[in-house]
PDB file of all heavy atoms in Angstrom:
ATOM      1  N   GLY A   1      -3.555   6.437 -18.616  1.00  0.00           N
ATOM      2  CA  GLY A   1      -4.342   7.683 -18.673  1.00  0.00           C
ATOM      3  C   GLY A   1      -3.766   8.818 -17.882  1.00  0.00           C
ATOM      4  O   GLY A   1      -4.450   9.807 -17.641  1.00  0.00           O
ATOM      5  N   ILE A   2      -2.511   8.712 -17.492  1.00  0.00           N
ATOM      6  CA  ILE A   2      -1.852   9.788 -16.755  1.00  0.00           C
ATOM      7  C   ILE A   2      -0.439   9.899 -17.275  1.00  0.00           C
ATOM      8  O   ILE A   2       0.247   8.916 -17.480  1.00  0.00           O
ATOM      9  CB  ILE A   2      -1.907   9.530 -15.246  1.00  0.00           C
ATOM     10  CG1 ILE A   2      -1.448  10.753 -14.470  1.00  0.00           C
ATOM     11  CG2 ILE A   2      -1.107   8.282 -14.845  1.00  0.00           C
ATOM     12  CD1 ILE A   2      -1.824  10.701 -13.002  1.00  0.00           C
ATOM     13  N   GLY A   3      -0.023  11.144 -17.480  1.00  0.00           N
ATOM     14  CA  GLY A   3       1.251  11.383 -18.128  1.00  0.00           C
ATOM     15  C   GLY A   3       2.416  11.729 -17.261  1.00  0.00           C
ATOM     16  O   GLY A   3       3.448  12.224 -17.736  1.00  0.00           O
ATOM     17  N   PHE A   4       2.308  11.477 -15.986  1.00  0.00           N
ATOM     18  CA  PHE A   4       3.411  11.744 -15.045  1.00  0.00           C
ATOM     19  C   PHE A   4       3.441  10.654 -13.987  1.00  0.00           C
ATOM     20  O   PHE A   4       2.477   9.922 -13.816  1.00  0.00           O
ATOM     21  CB  PHE A   4       3.275  13.137 -14.415  1.00  0.00           C
ATOM     22  CG  PHE A   4       1.991  13.379 -13.716  1.00  0.00           C
ATOM     23  CD1 PHE A   4       1.828  13.048 -12.375  1.00  0.00           C
ATOM     24  CD2 PHE A   4       0.908  13.953 -14.395  1.00  0.00           C
ATOM     25  CE1 PHE A   4       0.615  13.287 -11.714  1.00  0.00           C
ATOM     26  CE2 PHE A   4      -0.301  14.173 -13.750  1.00  0.00           C
ATOM     27  CZ  PHE A   4      -0.437  13.847 -12.407  1.00  0.00           C
ATOM     28  N   SER A   5       4.542  10.584 -13.287  1.00  0.00           N
ATOM     29  CA  SER A   5       4.716   9.570 -12.264  1.00  0.00           C
ATOM     30  C   SER A   5       3.800   9.840 -11.069  1.00  0.00           C
ATOM     31  O   SER A   5       3.733  10.954 -10.556  1.00  0.00           O
ATOM     32  CB  SER A   5       6.179   9.571 -11.819  1.00  0.00           C
ATOM     33  OG  SER A   5       6.386   8.571 -10.837  1.00  0.00           O
ATOM     34  N   ILE A   6       3.085   8.815 -10.638  1.00  0.00           N
ATOM     35  CA  ILE A   6       2.170   8.931  -9.519  1.00  0.00           C
ATOM     36  C   ILE A   6       2.931   9.068  -8.207  1.00  0.00           C
ATOM     37  O   ILE A   6       3.895   8.325  -7.965  1.00  0.00           O
ATOM     38  CB  ILE A   6       1.232   7.711  -9.499  1.00  0.00           C
ATOM     39  CG1 ILE A   6       0.268   7.796 -10.668  1.00  0.00           C
ATOM     40  CG2 ILE A   6       0.479   7.640  -8.167  1.00  0.00           C
ATOM     41  CD1 ILE A   6      -0.593   6.564 -10.878  1.00  0.00           C
ATOM     42  N   ALA A   7       2.512   9.990  -7.389  1.00  0.00           N
ATOM     43  CA  ALA A   7       3.250  10.333  -6.163  1.00  0.00           C
ATOM     44  C   ALA A   7       2.988   9.361  -5.048  1.00  0.00           C
ATOM     45  O   ALA A   7       3.895   9.051  -4.264  1.00  0.00           O
ATOM     46  CB  ALA A   7       2.943  11.748  -5.723  1.00  0.00           C
ATOM     47  N   ALA A   8       1.746   8.905  -4.897  1.00  0.00           N
ATOM     48  CA  ALA A   8       1.373   8.025  -3.775  1.00  0.00           C
ATOM     49  C   ALA A   8       0.594   6.840  -4.275  1.00  0.00           C
ATOM     50  O   ALA A   8      -0.385   6.966  -5.001  1.00  0.00           O
ATOM     51  CB  ALA A   8       0.583   8.801  -2.737  1.00  0.00           C
ATOM     52  N   TRP A   9       1.033   5.670  -3.853  1.00  0.00           N
ATOM     53  CA  TRP A   9       0.387   4.403  -4.213  1.00  0.00           C
ATOM     54  C   TRP A   9       0.099   3.645  -2.900  1.00  0.00           C
ATOM     55  O   TRP A   9       0.834   3.733  -1.949  1.00  0.00           O
ATOM     56  CB  TRP A   9       1.328   3.506  -5.009  1.00  0.00           C
ATOM     57  CG  TRP A   9       1.584   3.851  -6.453  1.00  0.00           C
ATOM     58  CD1 TRP A   9       2.652   4.542  -6.943  1.00  0.00           C
ATOM     59  CD2 TRP A   9       0.832   3.442  -7.590  1.00  0.00           C
ATOM     60  NE1 TRP A   9       2.606   4.595  -8.314  1.00  0.00           N
ATOM     61  CE2 TRP A   9       1.458   3.897  -8.728  1.00  0.00           C
ATOM     62  CE3 TRP A   9      -0.372   2.710  -7.725  1.00  0.00           C
ATOM     63  CZ2 TRP A   9       0.975   3.660 -10.006  1.00  0.00           C
ATOM     64  CZ3 TRP A   9      -0.839   2.487  -9.000  1.00  0.00           C
ATOM     65  CH2 TRP A   9      -0.159   2.930 -10.133  1.00  0.00           C
ATOM     66  N   ALA A  10      -0.913   2.768  -2.966  1.00  0.00           N
ATOM     67  CA  ALA A  10      -1.189   1.907  -1.810  1.00  0.00           C
ATOM     68  C   ALA A  10      -1.787   0.611  -2.294  1.00  0.00           C
ATOM     69  O   ALA A  10      -2.406   0.512  -3.353  1.00  0.00           O
ATOM     70  CB  ALA A  10      -2.132   2.616  -0.820  1.00  0.00           C
ATOM     71  N   TRP A  11      -1.611  -0.398  -1.452  1.00  0.00           N
ATOM     72  CA  TRP A  11      -2.339  -1.678  -1.562  1.00  0.00           C
ATOM     73  C   TRP A  11      -3.211  -1.811  -0.332  1.00  0.00           C
ATOM     74  O   TRP A  11      -2.771  -1.620   0.795  1.00  0.00           O
ATOM     75  CB  TRP A  11      -1.387  -2.858  -1.630  1.00  0.00           C
ATOM     76  CG  TRP A  11      -0.641  -3.013  -2.899  1.00  0.00           C
ATOM     77  CD1 TRP A  11       0.636  -2.609  -3.176  1.00  0.00           C
ATOM     78  CD2 TRP A  11      -1.138  -3.617  -4.112  1.00  0.00           C
ATOM     79  NE1 TRP A  11       0.972  -2.948  -4.466  1.00  0.00           N
ATOM     80  CE2 TRP A  11      -0.107  -3.557  -5.068  1.00  0.00           C
ATOM     81  CE3 TRP A  11      -2.332  -4.218  -4.462  1.00  0.00           C
ATOM     82  CZ2 TRP A  11      -0.207  -4.053  -6.363  1.00  0.00           C
ATOM     83  CZ3 TRP A  11      -2.459  -4.720  -5.746  1.00  0.00           C
ATOM     84  CH2 TRP A  11      -1.427  -4.627  -6.679  1.00  0.00           C
ATOM     85  N   TYR A  12      -4.478  -2.153  -0.566  1.00  0.00           N
ATOM     86  CA  TYR A  12      -5.439  -2.488   0.467  1.00  0.00           C
ATOM     87  C   TYR A  12      -5.962  -3.892   0.244  1.00  0.00           C
ATOM     88  O   TYR A  12      -5.859  -4.435  -0.865  1.00  0.00           O
ATOM     89  CB  TYR A  12      -6.616  -1.495   0.454  1.00  0.00           C
ATOM     90  CG  TYR A  12      -6.323  -0.137   1.033  1.00  0.00           C
ATOM     91  CD1 TYR A  12      -5.706   0.843   0.270  1.00  0.00           C
ATOM     92  CD2 TYR A  12      -6.713   0.189   2.319  1.00  0.00           C
ATOM     93  CE1 TYR A  12      -5.462   2.093   0.797  1.00  0.00           C
ATOM     94  CE2 TYR A  12      -6.490   1.450   2.846  1.00  0.00           C
ATOM     95  CZ  TYR A  12      -5.856   2.423   2.060  1.00  0.00           C
ATOM     96  OH  TYR A  12      -5.603   3.654   2.575  1.00  0.00           O
ATOM     97  N   ARG A  13      -6.580  -4.418   1.250  1.00  0.00           N
ATOM     98  CA  ARG A  13      -7.276  -5.716   1.099  1.00  0.00           C
ATOM     99  C   ARG A  13      -8.566  -5.715   1.883  1.00  0.00           C
ATOM    100  O   ARG A  13      -8.732  -4.965   2.845  1.00  0.00           O
ATOM    101  CB  ARG A  13      -6.385  -6.895   1.502  1.00  0.00           C
ATOM    102  CG  ARG A  13      -6.047  -6.959   2.982  1.00  0.00           C
ATOM    103  CD  ARG A  13      -5.016  -8.069   3.235  1.00  0.00           C
ATOM    104  NE  ARG A  13      -4.723  -8.224   4.639  1.00  0.00           N
ATOM    105  CZ  ARG A  13      -3.773  -9.029   5.094  1.00  0.00           C
ATOM    106  NH1 ARG A  13      -3.018  -9.742   4.267  1.00  0.00           N
ATOM    107  NH2 ARG A  13      -3.543  -9.122   6.407  1.00  0.00           N
ATOM    108  N   GLN A  14      -9.482  -6.569   1.445  1.00  0.00           N
ATOM    109  CA  GLN A  14     -10.797  -6.620   2.100  1.00  0.00           C
ATOM    110  C   GLN A  14     -11.374  -8.010   1.982  1.00  0.00           C
ATOM    111  O   GLN A  14     -11.276  -8.660   0.938  1.00  0.00           O
ATOM    112  CB  GLN A  14     -11.742  -5.603   1.443  1.00  0.00           C
ATOM    113  CG  GLN A  14     -13.062  -5.461   2.199  1.00  0.00           C
ATOM    114  CD  GLN A  14     -13.870  -4.256   1.674  1.00  0.00           C
ATOM    115  OE1 GLN A  14     -13.760  -3.871   0.532  1.00  0.00           O
ATOM    116  NE2 GLN A  14     -14.664  -3.652   2.549  1.00  0.00           N
ATOM    117  N   VAL A  15     -11.969  -8.468   3.073  1.00  0.00           N
ATOM    118  CA  VAL A  15     -12.717  -9.710   3.095  1.00  0.00           C
ATOM    119  C   VAL A  15     -14.181  -9.390   3.363  1.00  0.00           C
ATOM    120  O   VAL A  15     -14.493  -8.337   3.935  1.00  0.00           O
ATOM    121  CB  VAL A  15     -12.159 -10.699   4.126  1.00  0.00           C
ATOM    122  CG1 VAL A  15     -10.706 -11.031   3.830  1.00  0.00           C
ATOM    123  CG2 VAL A  15     -12.280 -10.109   5.542  1.00  0.00           C
ATOM    124  N   PRO A  16     -15.107 -10.261   2.977  1.00  0.00           N
ATOM    125  CA  PRO A  16     -16.532  -9.969   3.188  1.00  0.00           C
ATOM    126  C   PRO A  16     -16.853  -9.655   4.660  1.00  0.00           C
ATOM    127  O   PRO A  16     -16.344 -10.324   5.576  1.00  0.00           O
ATOM    128  CB  PRO A  16     -17.228 -11.243   2.737  1.00  0.00           C
ATOM    129  CG  PRO A  16     -16.301 -11.806   1.730  1.00  0.00           C
ATOM    130  CD  PRO A  16     -14.915 -11.525   2.230  1.00  0.00           C
ATOM    131  N   ARG A  17     -17.630  -8.646   4.867  1.00  0.00           N
ATOM    132  CA  ARG A  17     -18.159  -8.246   6.147  1.00  0.00           C
ATOM    133  C   ARG A  17     -17.078  -7.704   7.095  1.00  0.00           C
ATOM    134  O   ARG A  17     -17.266  -7.597   8.292  1.00  0.00           O
ATOM    135  CB  ARG A  17     -18.916  -9.406   6.829  1.00  0.00           C
ATOM    136  CG  ARG A  17     -20.208  -9.739   6.099  1.00  0.00           C
ATOM    137  CD  ARG A  17     -20.841 -11.027   6.641  1.00  0.00           C
ATOM    138  NE  ARG A  17     -20.059 -12.181   6.298  1.00  0.00           N
ATOM    139  CZ  ARG A  17     -20.392 -13.409   6.608  1.00  0.00           C
ATOM    140  NH1 ARG A  17     -21.509 -13.636   7.332  1.00  0.00           N
ATOM    141  NH2 ARG A  17     -19.634 -14.443   6.256  1.00  0.00           N
ATOM    142  N   LYS A  18     -15.939  -7.307   6.539  1.00  0.00           N
ATOM    143  CA  LYS A  18     -14.883  -6.698   7.342  1.00  0.00           C
ATOM    144  C   LYS A  18     -14.459  -5.392   6.708  1.00  0.00           C
ATOM    145  O   LYS A  18     -14.667  -5.155   5.499  1.00  0.00           O
ATOM    146  CB  LYS A  18     -13.695  -7.628   7.463  1.00  0.00           C
ATOM    147  CG  LYS A  18     -13.919  -8.826   8.361  1.00  0.00           C
ATOM    148  CD  LYS A  18     -12.643  -9.592   8.621  1.00  0.00           C
ATOM    149  CE  LYS A  18     -12.871 -10.743   9.564  1.00  0.00           C
ATOM    150  NZ  LYS A  18     -11.613 -11.479   9.832  1.00  0.00           N
ATOM    151  N   GLN A  19     -13.860  -4.538   7.502  1.00  0.00           N
ATOM    152  CA  GLN A  19     -13.375  -3.253   7.014  1.00  0.00           C
ATOM    153  C   GLN A  19     -12.177  -3.444   6.101  1.00  0.00           C
ATOM    154  O   GLN A  19     -11.390  -4.359   6.255  1.00  0.00           O
ATOM    155  CB  GLN A  19     -12.971  -2.350   8.198  1.00  0.00           C
ATOM    156  CG  GLN A  19     -14.127  -1.895   9.087  1.00  0.00           C
ATOM    157  CD  GLN A  19     -15.036  -0.925   8.372  1.00  0.00           C
ATOM    158  OE1 GLN A  19     -14.610  -0.079   7.588  1.00  0.00           O
ATOM    159  NE2 GLN A  19     -16.329  -1.019   8.654  1.00  0.00           N
ATOM    160  N   ARG A  20     -12.083  -2.562   5.141  1.00  0.00           N
ATOM    161  CA  ARG A  20     -10.911  -2.533   4.246  1.00  0.00           C
ATOM    162  C   ARG A  20      -9.661  -2.242   5.078  1.00  0.00           C
ATOM    163  O   ARG A  20      -9.676  -1.365   5.958  1.00  0.00           O
ATOM    164  CB  ARG A  20     -11.111  -1.479   3.162  1.00  0.00           C
ATOM    165  CG  ARG A  20     -10.095  -1.496   2.059  1.00  0.00           C
ATOM    166  CD  ARG A  20     -10.467  -0.486   0.979  1.00  0.00           C
ATOM    167  NE  ARG A  20     -10.541   0.867   1.492  1.00  0.00           N
ATOM    168  CZ  ARG A  20     -11.161   1.854   0.896  1.00  0.00           C
ATOM    169  NH1 ARG A  20     -11.778   1.653  -0.267  1.00  0.00           N
ATOM    170  NH2 ARG A  20     -11.160   3.063   1.419  1.00  0.00           N
ATOM    171  N   GLU A  21      -8.597  -2.943   4.811  1.00  0.00           N
ATOM    172  CA  GLU A  21      -7.381  -2.865   5.590  1.00  0.00           C
ATOM    173  C   GLU A  21      -6.217  -2.379   4.751  1.00  0.00           C
ATOM    174  O   GLU A  21      -5.984  -2.902   3.638  1.00  0.00           O
ATOM    175  CB  GLU A  21      -7.053  -4.245   6.159  1.00  0.00           C
ATOM    176  CG  GLU A  21      -5.763  -4.311   6.952  1.00  0.00           C
ATOM    177  CD  GLU A  21      -5.368  -5.725   7.342  1.00  0.00           C
ATOM    178  OE1 GLU A  21      -5.980  -6.686   6.826  1.00  0.00           O
ATOM    179  OE2 GLU A  21      -4.472  -5.887   8.202  1.00  0.00           O
ATOM    180  N   LEU A  22      -5.456  -1.436   5.243  1.00  0.00           N
ATOM    181  CA  LEU A  22      -4.261  -0.979   4.557  1.00  0.00           C
ATOM    182  C   LEU A  22      -3.190  -2.045   4.653  1.00  0.00           C
ATOM    183  O   LEU A  22      -2.880  -2.539   5.744  1.00  0.00           O
ATOM    184  CB  LEU A  22      -3.746   0.333   5.162  1.00  0.00           C
ATOM    185  CG  LEU A  22      -2.447   0.855   4.596  1.00  0.00           C
ATOM    186  CD1 LEU A  22      -2.611   1.279   3.150  1.00  0.00           C
ATOM    187  CD2 LEU A  22      -1.901   2.023   5.430  1.00  0.00           C
ATOM    188  N   VAL A  23      -2.606  -2.387   3.508  1.00  0.00           N
ATOM    189  CA  VAL A  23      -1.533  -3.367   3.458  1.00  0.00           C
ATOM    190  C   VAL A  23      -0.184  -2.651   3.378  1.00  0.00           C
ATOM    191  O   VAL A  23       0.723  -2.944   4.161  1.00  0.00           O
ATOM    192  CB  VAL A  23      -1.700  -4.306   2.261  1.00  0.00           C
ATOM    193  CG1 VAL A  23      -0.511  -5.243   2.142  1.00  0.00           C
ATOM    194  CG2 VAL A  23      -2.982  -5.089   2.403  1.00  0.00           C
ATOM    195  N   ALA A  24      -0.048  -1.749   2.448  1.00  0.00           N
ATOM    196  CA  ALA A  24       1.224  -1.042   2.270  1.00  0.00           C
ATOM    197  C   ALA A  24       0.984   0.226   1.474  1.00  0.00           C
ATOM    198  O   ALA A  24       0.023   0.333   0.693  1.00  0.00           O
ATOM    199  CB  ALA A  24       2.238  -1.916   1.518  1.00  0.00           C
ATOM    200  N   VAL A  25       1.814   1.220   1.693  1.00  0.00           N
ATOM    201  CA  VAL A  25       1.758   2.463   0.963  1.00  0.00           C
ATOM    202  C   VAL A  25       3.195   2.897   0.614  1.00  0.00           C
ATOM    203  O   VAL A  25       4.115   2.641   1.396  1.00  0.00           O
ATOM    204  CB  VAL A  25       1.017   3.575   1.746  1.00  0.00           C
ATOM    205  CG1 VAL A  25       1.723   3.865   3.093  1.00  0.00           C
ATOM    206  CG2 VAL A  25       0.871   4.845   0.954  1.00  0.00           C
ATOM    207  N   THR A  26       3.361   3.516  -0.545  1.00  0.00           N
ATOM    208  CA  THR A  26       4.650   4.021  -0.965  1.00  0.00           C
ATOM    209  C   THR A  26       4.494   5.363  -1.609  1.00  0.00           C
ATOM    210  O   THR A  26       3.484   5.659  -2.274  1.00  0.00           O
ATOM    211  CB  THR A  26       5.366   3.037  -1.911  1.00  0.00           C
ATOM    212  OG1 THR A  26       6.684   3.491  -2.158  1.00  0.00           O
ATOM    213  CG2 THR A  26       4.604   2.878  -3.232  1.00  0.00           C
ATOM    214  N   TYR A  27       5.508   6.213  -1.428  1.00  0.00           N
ATOM    215  CA  TYR A  27       5.518   7.562  -1.964  1.00  0.00           C
ATOM    216  C   TYR A  27       6.699   7.699  -2.921  1.00  0.00           C
ATOM    217  O   TYR A  27       7.663   6.932  -2.863  1.00  0.00           O
ATOM    218  CB  TYR A  27       5.608   8.586  -0.854  1.00  0.00           C
ATOM    219  CG  TYR A  27       4.444   8.481   0.102  1.00  0.00           C
ATOM    220  CD1 TYR A  27       4.562   7.751   1.307  1.00  0.00           C
ATOM    221  CD2 TYR A  27       3.201   9.091  -0.163  1.00  0.00           C
ATOM    222  CE1 TYR A  27       3.510   7.635   2.155  1.00  0.00           C
ATOM    223  CE2 TYR A  27       2.155   8.977   0.699  1.00  0.00           C
ATOM    224  CZ  TYR A  27       2.306   8.246   1.863  1.00  0.00           C
ATOM    225  OH  TYR A  27       1.215   8.135   2.748  1.00  0.00           O
ATOM    226  N   SER A  28       6.627   8.735  -3.783  1.00  0.00           N
ATOM    227  CA  SER A  28       7.639   8.931  -4.816  1.00  0.00           C
ATOM    228  C   SER A  28       9.053   9.085  -4.251  1.00  0.00           C
ATOM    229  O   SER A  28      10.028   8.745  -4.927  1.00  0.00           O
ATOM    230  CB  SER A  28       7.289  10.104  -5.690  1.00  0.00           C
ATOM    231  OG  SER A  28       7.196  11.307  -4.957  1.00  0.00           O
ATOM    232  N   GLY A  29       9.163   9.631  -3.037  1.00  0.00           N
ATOM    233  CA  GLY A  29      10.476   9.789  -2.436  1.00  0.00           C
ATOM    234  C   GLY A  29      11.071   8.497  -1.865  1.00  0.00           C
ATOM    235  O   GLY A  29      12.210   8.531  -1.411  1.00  0.00           O
ATOM    236  N   GLY A  30      10.313   7.432  -1.893  1.00  0.00           N
ATOM    237  CA  GLY A  30      10.796   6.134  -1.435  1.00  0.00           C
ATOM    238  C   GLY A  30      10.309   5.710  -0.074  1.00  0.00           C
ATOM    239  O   GLY A  30      10.571   4.591   0.343  1.00  0.00           O
ATOM    240  N   MET A  31       9.604   6.583   0.609  1.00  0.00           N
ATOM    241  CA  MET A  31       9.084   6.226   1.931  1.00  0.00           C
ATOM    242  C   MET A  31       7.994   5.162   1.796  1.00  0.00           C
ATOM    243  O   MET A  31       7.158   5.242   0.897  1.00  0.00           O
ATOM    244  CB  MET A  31       8.527   7.460   2.619  1.00  0.00           C
ATOM    245  CG  MET A  31       8.045   7.218   4.022  1.00  0.00           C
ATOM    246  SD  MET A  31       7.462   8.789   4.793  1.00  0.00           S
ATOM    247  CE  MET A  31       7.021   8.197   6.411  1.00  0.00           C
ATOM    248  N   THR A  32       8.000   4.198   2.671  1.00  0.00           N
ATOM    249  CA  THR A  32       6.996   3.132   2.692  1.00  0.00           C
ATOM    250  C   THR A  32       6.448   2.916   4.089  1.00  0.00           C
ATOM    251  O   THR A  32       7.088   3.249   5.096  1.00  0.00           O
ATOM    252  CB  THR A  32       7.577   1.802   2.177  1.00  0.00           C
ATOM    253  OG1 THR A  32       8.673   1.420   2.982  1.00  0.00           O
ATOM    254  CG2 THR A  32       8.047   1.924   0.732  1.00  0.00           C
ATOM    255  N   HIS A  33       5.266   2.345   4.144  1.00  0.00           N
ATOM    256  CA  HIS A  33       4.639   1.972   5.415  1.00  0.00           C
ATOM    257  C   HIS A  33       3.876   0.689   5.185  1.00  0.00           C
ATOM    258  O   HIS A  33       3.220   0.503   4.133  1.00  0.00           O
ATOM    259  CB  HIS A  33       3.699   3.084   5.909  1.00  0.00           C
ATOM    260  CG  HIS A  33       2.926   2.690   7.101  1.00  0.00           C
ATOM    261  ND1 HIS A  33       3.451   2.671   8.367  1.00  0.00           N
ATOM    262  CD2 HIS A  33       1.606   2.295   7.232  1.00  0.00           C
ATOM    263  CE1 HIS A  33       2.537   2.296   9.221  1.00  0.00           C
ATOM    264  NE2 HIS A  33       1.416   2.062   8.565  1.00  0.00           N
ATOM    265  N   TYR A  34       3.911  -0.192   6.193  1.00  0.00           N
ATOM    266  CA  TYR A  34       3.221  -1.484   6.119  1.00  0.00           C
ATOM    267  C   TYR A  34       2.276  -1.672   7.285  1.00  0.00           C
ATOM    268  O   TYR A  34       2.552  -1.245   8.386  1.00  0.00           O
ATOM    269  CB  TYR A  34       4.238  -2.634   6.101  1.00  0.00           C
ATOM    270  CG  TYR A  34       5.125  -2.639   4.890  1.00  0.00           C
ATOM    271  CD1 TYR A  34       6.366  -1.981   4.869  1.00  0.00           C
ATOM    272  CD2 TYR A  34       4.736  -3.314   3.745  1.00  0.00           C
ATOM    273  CE1 TYR A  34       7.166  -1.995   3.776  1.00  0.00           C
ATOM    274  CE2 TYR A  34       5.545  -3.334   2.606  1.00  0.00           C
ATOM    275  CZ  TYR A  34       6.773  -2.661   2.645  1.00  0.00           C
ATOM    276  OH  TYR A  34       7.564  -2.678   1.524  1.00  0.00           O
ATOM    277  N   GLY A  35       1.179  -2.342   6.994  1.00  0.00           N
ATOM    278  CA  GLY A  35       0.309  -2.770   8.081  1.00  0.00           C
ATOM    279  C   GLY A  35       1.000  -3.774   8.968  1.00  0.00           C
ATOM    280  O   GLY A  35       1.848  -4.559   8.516  1.00  0.00           O
ATOM    281  N   ASP A  36       0.650  -3.776  10.241  1.00  0.00           N
ATOM    282  CA  ASP A  36       1.306  -4.616  11.211  1.00  0.00           C
ATOM    283  C   ASP A  36       1.241  -6.108  10.829  1.00  0.00           C
ATOM    284  O   ASP A  36       2.185  -6.856  11.097  1.00  0.00           O
ATOM    285  CB  ASP A  36       0.729  -4.405  12.590  1.00  0.00           C
ATOM    286  CG  ASP A  36       1.070  -3.082  13.200  1.00  0.00           C
ATOM    287  OD1 ASP A  36       2.041  -2.447  12.762  1.00  0.00           O
ATOM    288  OD2 ASP A  36       0.365  -2.663  14.147  1.00  0.00           O
ATOM    289  N   SER A  37       0.164  -6.515  10.247  1.00  0.00           N
ATOM    290  CA  SER A  37      -0.059  -7.936   9.985  1.00  0.00           C
ATOM    291  C   SER A  37       0.823  -8.472   8.840  1.00  0.00           C
ATOM    292  O   SER A  37       0.954  -9.684   8.696  1.00  0.00           O
ATOM    293  CB  SER A  37      -1.522  -8.204   9.641  1.00  0.00           C
ATOM    294  OG  SER A  37      -1.929  -7.519   8.466  1.00  0.00           O
ATOM    295  N   VAL A  38       1.434  -7.597   8.053  1.00  0.00           N
ATOM    296  CA  VAL A  38       2.239  -8.028   6.909  1.00  0.00           C
ATOM    297  C   VAL A  38       3.670  -7.623   7.008  1.00  0.00           C
ATOM    298  O   VAL A  38       4.487  -7.988   6.125  1.00  0.00           O
ATOM    299  CB  VAL A  38       1.634  -7.530   5.574  1.00  0.00           C
ATOM    300  CG1 VAL A  38       0.161  -7.923   5.450  1.00  0.00           C
ATOM    301  CG2 VAL A  38       1.816  -6.030   5.442  1.00  0.00           C
ATOM    302  N   LYS A  39       4.083  -6.893   8.038  1.00  0.00           N
ATOM    303  CA  LYS A  39       5.458  -6.464   8.167  1.00  0.00           C
ATOM    304  C   LYS A  39       6.398  -7.651   8.181  1.00  0.00           C
ATOM    305  O   LYS A  39       6.172  -8.654   8.858  1.00  0.00           O
ATOM    306  CB  LYS A  39       5.635  -5.659   9.461  1.00  0.00           C
ATOM    307  CG  LYS A  39       5.050  -4.260   9.396  1.00  0.00           C
ATOM    308  CD  LYS A  39       5.285  -3.517  10.708  1.00  0.00           C
ATOM    309  CE  LYS A  39       4.683  -2.136  10.662  1.00  0.00           C
ATOM    310  NZ  LYS A  39       4.831  -1.397  11.949  1.00  0.00           N
ATOM    311  N   GLY A  40       7.457  -7.530   7.396  1.00  0.00           N
ATOM    312  CA  GLY A  40       8.450  -8.589   7.310  1.00  0.00           C
ATOM    313  C   GLY A  40       8.127  -9.641   6.292  1.00  0.00           C
ATOM    314  O   GLY A  40       8.980 -10.495   6.002  1.00  0.00           O
ATOM    315  N   ARG A  41       6.923  -9.653   5.756  1.00  0.00           N
ATOM    316  CA  ARG A  41       6.537 -10.655   4.775  1.00  0.00           C
ATOM    317  C   ARG A  41       6.217 -10.075   3.379  1.00  0.00           C
ATOM    318  O   ARG A  41       6.445 -10.739   2.394  1.00  0.00           O
ATOM    319  CB  ARG A  41       5.302 -11.419   5.282  1.00  0.00           C
ATOM    320  CG  ARG A  41       5.505 -12.173   6.578  1.00  0.00           C
ATOM    321  CD  ARG A  41       4.341 -13.069   6.924  1.00  0.00           C
ATOM    322  NE  ARG A  41       3.111 -12.301   7.121  1.00  0.00           N
ATOM    323  CZ  ARG A  41       2.002 -12.444   6.427  1.00  0.00           C
ATOM    324  NH1 ARG A  41       1.940 -13.359   5.443  1.00  0.00           N
ATOM    325  NH2 ARG A  41       0.931 -11.711   6.696  1.00  0.00           N
ATOM    326  N   PHE A  42       5.640  -8.878   3.360  1.00  0.00           N
ATOM    327  CA  PHE A  42       5.260  -8.237   2.123  1.00  0.00           C
ATOM    328  C   PHE A  42       6.193  -7.053   1.797  1.00  0.00           C
ATOM    329  O   PHE A  42       6.682  -6.372   2.728  1.00  0.00           O
ATOM    330  CB  PHE A  42       3.847  -7.710   2.183  1.00  0.00           C
ATOM    331  CG  PHE A  42       2.757  -8.760   2.251  1.00  0.00           C
ATOM    332  CD1 PHE A  42       3.049 -10.097   2.430  1.00  0.00           C
ATOM    333  CD2 PHE A  42       1.435  -8.351   2.139  1.00  0.00           C
ATOM    334  CE1 PHE A  42       2.043 -11.035   2.507  1.00  0.00           C
ATOM    335  CE2 PHE A  42       0.424  -9.301   2.199  1.00  0.00           C
ATOM    336  CZ  PHE A  42       0.702 -10.634   2.382  1.00  0.00           C
ATOM    337  N   THR A  43       6.416  -6.798   0.523  1.00  0.00           N
ATOM    338  CA  THR A  43       7.231  -5.688   0.111  1.00  0.00           C
ATOM    339  C   THR A  43       6.534  -4.953  -1.045  1.00  0.00           C
ATOM    340  O   THR A  43       6.166  -5.566  -2.043  1.00  0.00           O
ATOM    341  CB  THR A  43       8.634  -6.130  -0.352  1.00  0.00           C
ATOM    342  OG1 THR A  43       9.252  -6.842   0.701  1.00  0.00           O
ATOM    343  CG2 THR A  43       9.459  -4.933  -0.730  1.00  0.00           C
ATOM    344  N   ILE A  44       6.365  -3.651  -0.910  1.00  0.00           N
ATOM    345  CA  ILE A  44       5.803  -2.855  -1.987  1.00  0.00           C
ATOM    346  C   ILE A  44       6.979  -2.190  -2.736  1.00  0.00           C
ATOM    347  O   ILE A  44       7.944  -1.740  -2.117  1.00  0.00           O
ATOM    348  CB  ILE A  44       4.838  -1.782  -1.430  1.00  0.00           C
ATOM    349  CG1 ILE A  44       4.102  -1.049  -2.564  1.00  0.00           C
ATOM    350  CG2 ILE A  44       5.523  -0.813  -0.479  1.00  0.00           C
ATOM    351  CD1 ILE A  44       2.962  -0.150  -2.110  1.00  0.00           C
ATOM    352  N   SER A  45       6.843  -2.135  -4.023  1.00  0.00           N
ATOM    353  CA  SER A  45       7.894  -1.512  -4.856  1.00  0.00           C
ATOM    354  C   SER A  45       7.227  -0.864  -6.059  1.00  0.00           C
ATOM    355  O   SER A  45       6.032  -1.075  -6.342  1.00  0.00           O
ATOM    356  CB  SER A  45       8.932  -2.534  -5.289  1.00  0.00           C
ATOM    357  OG  SER A  45       8.354  -3.585  -6.060  1.00  0.00           O
TER     358      SER A  45
END
């Protein structure tokens, strides 16, 4: 439903009774950021 490349994407996760947590974010220029708990284990692409 969108005709152009999305500039910013993210993955979040949530467990019951806890706050939603940022897992990873990526931008169209290639910049990425990871939550501390998943660094070195998860990769966003």
